[in-house]
Amino acid sequence: MDSSSGAPPTHLVRDLGIALLGAVALAVALYVGSAYLPSATPLELMLLEAGAVALVGYLVARAFTSAARRFLRTGRLARHASSVALFINTLIGVGVLLTILLVFHVAPESVFLGSAFAAVVLGLASQTVLANLFAGFLIVLAQPFRPGERISMVSSSYGAIWPSYPHELIYPTYTGVVRDISLFYTVLELDSGRWAKVPNSVVLSALIVNLDPTIPRSQRVRMTLPLAVSPELVRDAARALAASPLTAPGSPGPQVQIADVSPQSWDAVIVLWTREPDEDRVRDAVLGEMLPRLAPATAAPTGRARRAA
């Protein structure tokens, strides 16, 4: 670990220590001042306390924003430094403002909301905004993925996909390249070429699959075949896929699995290990390789049926 990675925590502890010492010094000064300044009015003392709270809040905000800027100053995260600093300053500023209101014995809800009903309305209205804000802050710092990486996002927040085969479960997956991560939205360039802005609260709760092109992954391609086509014939046809450029070198060879059987047909699933990120291209290549090899066997029962008729 380099020195730069250890610098933000060190500076944060140092700056927070300074803020703590400043808070203790101000508390002692206010205590001594209230004891030796009997002529001071309660309003003047509250103004001094409010100033002390504002000063300590400024020192704490500066400590956190300085550490955040040091952490995000290099690489692709540098452009998020200002947004993260603004987010931290806003949170600390709200806390300081509420504390000052308490110093003046003013109920915060009487200033900001006015009534319990307004509090409920404002809370419901800001719930989504705050959820996206906190989620964006966590995504920027935790880095579950970075701009430029290709990911698949599985989320129940959007419509499910109805599969052609009821036994082949298809997750509501959205695949694309991450183009931007802001404090409210994550921008994906989908494989279709369109750009999608996904709320960060959805991204944070979703299943994220990082599609590293260097790691082979299995893909299933399902076919419905007549009963006259034997599984061995399908397995022989699938062995030709081992020479396909889509098959990852060193991976297990193509496999054929029997997925379902009906009185007239059966379903075969061809499992191929590949590094190709485009699932449609893999499916097209597999079906394009299998159909010419299986065409005579699938056409034979039809011919016999016609002769019998």
Foldseek 3Di string as FASTA:
>chain_A
DDPLVVPLVVLLVVLLVVLVVLLVVLVVVLVVCVVPCVVDDLVNSLVSVLVSLVVSLVSNLVSVLVSLCSNQCDDPSNVCSVVLSVVSNVVSVVVSVCVSCVSVVHHVCCVPQNDPVSVVVVCVVCVLVVLLQVLLSCCSVVVPDDAFFKKKWFFPPDDADDDPDNVDHDTPIWIAGFHDRHSFWTWGCTPVRDIDTHGSSRRSPIDMGGLDLVDWDKDKAKDKAFPLDDPVLQVVLQQVCQPPPFADPPDDGWDWDWDADDPTITMIIIIGIGSDPDNVVVNCVRCVSRCVSCVVSRCVVVVVVVVVD
